[in-house]
Amino acid sequence: MKKFTLIEVVVALAILVLSLAGLLQLLSSSQEKIGSSIEHWNHTHILMQAAEYALLQEGKDDKLEIPQEIFDYPDYTPIITFNEVDEQLPDDFKDQQGQVPLIGVKIEIVREKDKKTVSEITVDRFDYEENAP
C-alpha cells in the first residue's frame, strides 16, 4: 500500500480546488449570458409586435397608441414617430413620375421603471396618403 506525503496531498487538493473554481466561474458566466440573451429576445419580441401594428396603420399620426389587447406589456411603452426619408433615395428615383414617397417609421420601446429605451427600429414604408386622389 502506497502512502502519500503531505505535500502530494496538498498539491492534489490545490489542483482539484482550482479546477472546481474554474468550472464554477464558467457556469456562472454562462448563466449570465443566457439571462442576457433571454432579456434581449423579450425586448426584440415586444419591439416586433409594436412594429407590426405601427406598419399596418394608415397615416402619420405621431400620437399613435397601440391598444392594450394588442400590446399587453404594462412595463413598457411604445413610442412611434414618423420621419421623411427622401434624402436616402438615389437622385435617379426622386423625381420619377408615379414614384411613391417613402416615410420612416421609428418604433422605440421604453421601459417604464427607468425610462430607458431598451430596443428600437426604423422601417421605411411607402407613404400612399401623399399621392392619394
Protein backbone atom coordinates (compact mmCIF):
# COMPACT_ATOMS: atom_id res chain seq x y z
CA MET A 1 0.00 0.00 0.00
CA LYS A 2 1.44 3.33 -1.12
CA LYS A 3 1.38 6.17 1.34
CA PHE A 4 1.19 9.76 0.11
CA THR A 5 3.19 12.55 1.65
CA LEU A 6 1.50 15.67 2.96
CA ILE A 7 2.96 17.73 0.10
CA GLU A 8 1.43 15.40 -2.52
CA VAL A 9 -1.97 15.58 -0.86
CA VAL A 10 -1.86 19.40 -0.61
CA VAL A 11 -0.82 19.74 -4.28
CA ALA A 12 -3.60 17.35 -5.37
CA LEU A 13 -6.19 19.27 -3.34
CA ALA A 14 -4.96 22.61 -4.75
CA ILE A 15 -5.31 21.30 -8.31
CA LEU A 16 -8.80 20.00 -7.52
CA VAL A 17 -9.87 23.32 -5.96
CA LEU A 18 -8.53 25.35 -8.92
CA SER A 19 -10.34 23.06 -11.37
CA LEU A 20 -13.63 23.39 -9.48
CA ALA A 21 -13.24 27.17 -9.20
CA GLY A 22 -12.73 27.45 -12.96
CA LEU A 23 -15.74 25.26 -13.63
CA LEU A 24 -17.97 27.28 -11.28
CA GLN A 25 -16.82 30.54 -12.88
CA LEU A 26 -17.62 29.14 -16.32
CA LEU A 27 -21.10 28.05 -15.18
CA SER A 28 -21.78 31.45 -13.62
CA SER A 29 -20.69 33.28 -16.76
CA SER A 30 -22.85 31.02 -18.93
CA GLN A 31 -25.88 31.65 -16.75
CA GLU A 32 -25.41 35.44 -17.03
CA LYS A 33 -25.15 35.20 -20.81
CA ILE A 34 -28.29 33.08 -21.00
CA GLY A 35 -30.18 35.63 -18.89
CA SER A 36 -28.94 38.46 -21.10
CA SER A 37 -29.98 36.57 -24.24
CA ILE A 38 -33.46 35.92 -22.87
CA GLU A 39 -33.89 39.60 -21.99
CA HIS A 40 -32.70 40.65 -25.46
CA TRP A 41 -35.11 38.19 -27.12
CA ASN A 42 -38.01 39.51 -25.00
CA HIS A 43 -37.23 43.13 -25.92
CA THR A 44 -36.97 42.20 -29.61
CA HIS A 45 -40.28 40.32 -29.46
CA ILE A 46 -42.01 43.32 -27.83
CA LEU A 47 -40.48 45.62 -30.46
CA MET A 48 -41.65 43.43 -33.34
CA GLN A 49 -45.22 43.36 -32.01
CA ALA A 50 -45.26 47.16 -31.83
CA ALA A 51 -43.66 47.43 -35.30
CA GLU A 52 -46.22 45.12 -36.90
CA TYR A 53 -49.07 47.19 -35.52
CA ALA A 54 -47.48 50.52 -36.47
CA LEU A 55 -46.71 49.44 -40.03
CA LEU A 56 -50.28 48.28 -40.63
CA GLN A 57 -51.78 51.64 -39.65
CA GLU A 58 -52.65 54.29 -42.19
CA GLY A 59 -51.42 57.82 -41.80
CA LYS A 60 -48.60 59.51 -39.98
CA ASP A 61 -50.03 60.10 -36.52
CA ASP A 62 -47.19 60.66 -34.03
CA LYS A 63 -49.71 60.14 -31.23
CA LEU A 64 -50.47 56.60 -32.40
CA GLU A 65 -51.28 54.42 -29.40
CA ILE A 66 -51.43 50.65 -29.52
CA PRO A 67 -54.50 49.14 -27.80
CA GLN A 68 -53.77 47.14 -24.65
CA GLU A 69 -55.30 43.95 -26.05
CA ILE A 70 -52.65 44.02 -28.80
CA PHE A 71 -49.70 45.38 -26.78
CA ASP A 72 -50.13 43.85 -23.34
CA TYR A 73 -46.83 44.84 -21.73
CA PRO A 74 -47.58 47.28 -18.89
CA ASP A 75 -43.89 47.67 -18.01
CA TYR A 76 -43.05 49.00 -21.49
CA THR A 77 -44.28 51.90 -23.60
CA PRO A 78 -44.01 52.01 -27.41
CA ILE A 79 -43.14 55.39 -28.96
CA ILE A 80 -43.91 55.64 -32.67
CA THR A 81 -42.69 58.57 -34.77
CA PHE A 82 -42.72 59.27 -38.50
CA ASN A 83 -39.87 60.94 -40.44
CA GLU A 84 -39.29 61.93 -44.04
CA VAL A 85 -36.66 59.79 -45.76
CA ASP A 86 -36.40 61.31 -49.23
CA GLU A 87 -32.72 62.12 -48.74
CA GLN A 88 -31.98 58.38 -48.59
CA LEU A 89 -33.21 57.74 -52.11
CA PRO A 90 -30.80 57.92 -55.03
CA ASP A 91 -31.22 61.04 -57.20
CA ASP A 92 -32.42 58.90 -60.13
CA PHE A 93 -35.54 57.87 -58.20
CA LYS A 94 -36.61 61.13 -56.57
CA ASP A 95 -38.33 62.86 -59.48
CA GLN A 96 -39.84 59.90 -61.33
CA GLN A 97 -43.49 60.16 -62.22
CA GLY A 98 -45.66 57.91 -60.07
CA GLN A 99 -42.89 57.32 -57.57
CA VAL A 100 -44.49 56.67 -54.19
CA PRO A 101 -42.56 58.56 -51.48
CA LEU A 102 -41.10 56.79 -48.50
CA ILE A 103 -41.72 57.61 -44.86
CA GLY A 104 -39.62 56.37 -41.96
CA VAL A 105 -41.44 54.75 -39.07
CA LYS A 106 -39.35 54.74 -35.90
CA ILE A 107 -40.53 52.46 -33.11
CA GLU A 108 -38.92 52.67 -29.68
CA ILE A 109 -39.68 50.51 -26.67
CA VAL A 110 -39.15 52.37 -23.39
CA ARG A 111 -39.00 50.58 -20.05
CA GLU A 112 -41.29 52.37 -17.58
CA LYS A 113 -39.27 51.89 -14.39
CA ASP A 114 -36.18 53.77 -15.59
CA LYS A 115 -37.46 55.44 -18.81
CA LYS A 116 -34.65 53.75 -20.77
CA THR A 117 -35.01 52.82 -24.44
CA VAL A 118 -34.41 49.08 -24.48
CA SER A 119 -34.98 48.47 -28.18
CA GLU A 120 -35.67 50.48 -31.32
CA ILE A 121 -36.02 50.08 -35.06
CA THR A 122 -36.64 52.37 -38.04
CA VAL A 123 -38.52 50.93 -41.00
CA ASP A 124 -39.12 52.72 -44.29
CA ARG A 125 -42.53 52.22 -45.84
CA PHE A 126 -44.45 53.70 -48.74
CA ASP A 127 -46.47 56.84 -47.96
CA TYR A 128 -49.58 56.27 -50.07
CA GLU A 129 -51.50 59.15 -48.49
CA GLU A 130 -49.30 61.80 -50.11
CA ASN A 131 -50.32 60.61 -53.60
CA ALA A 132 -53.96 59.92 -52.70
CA PRO A 133 -56.53 61.48 -55.08
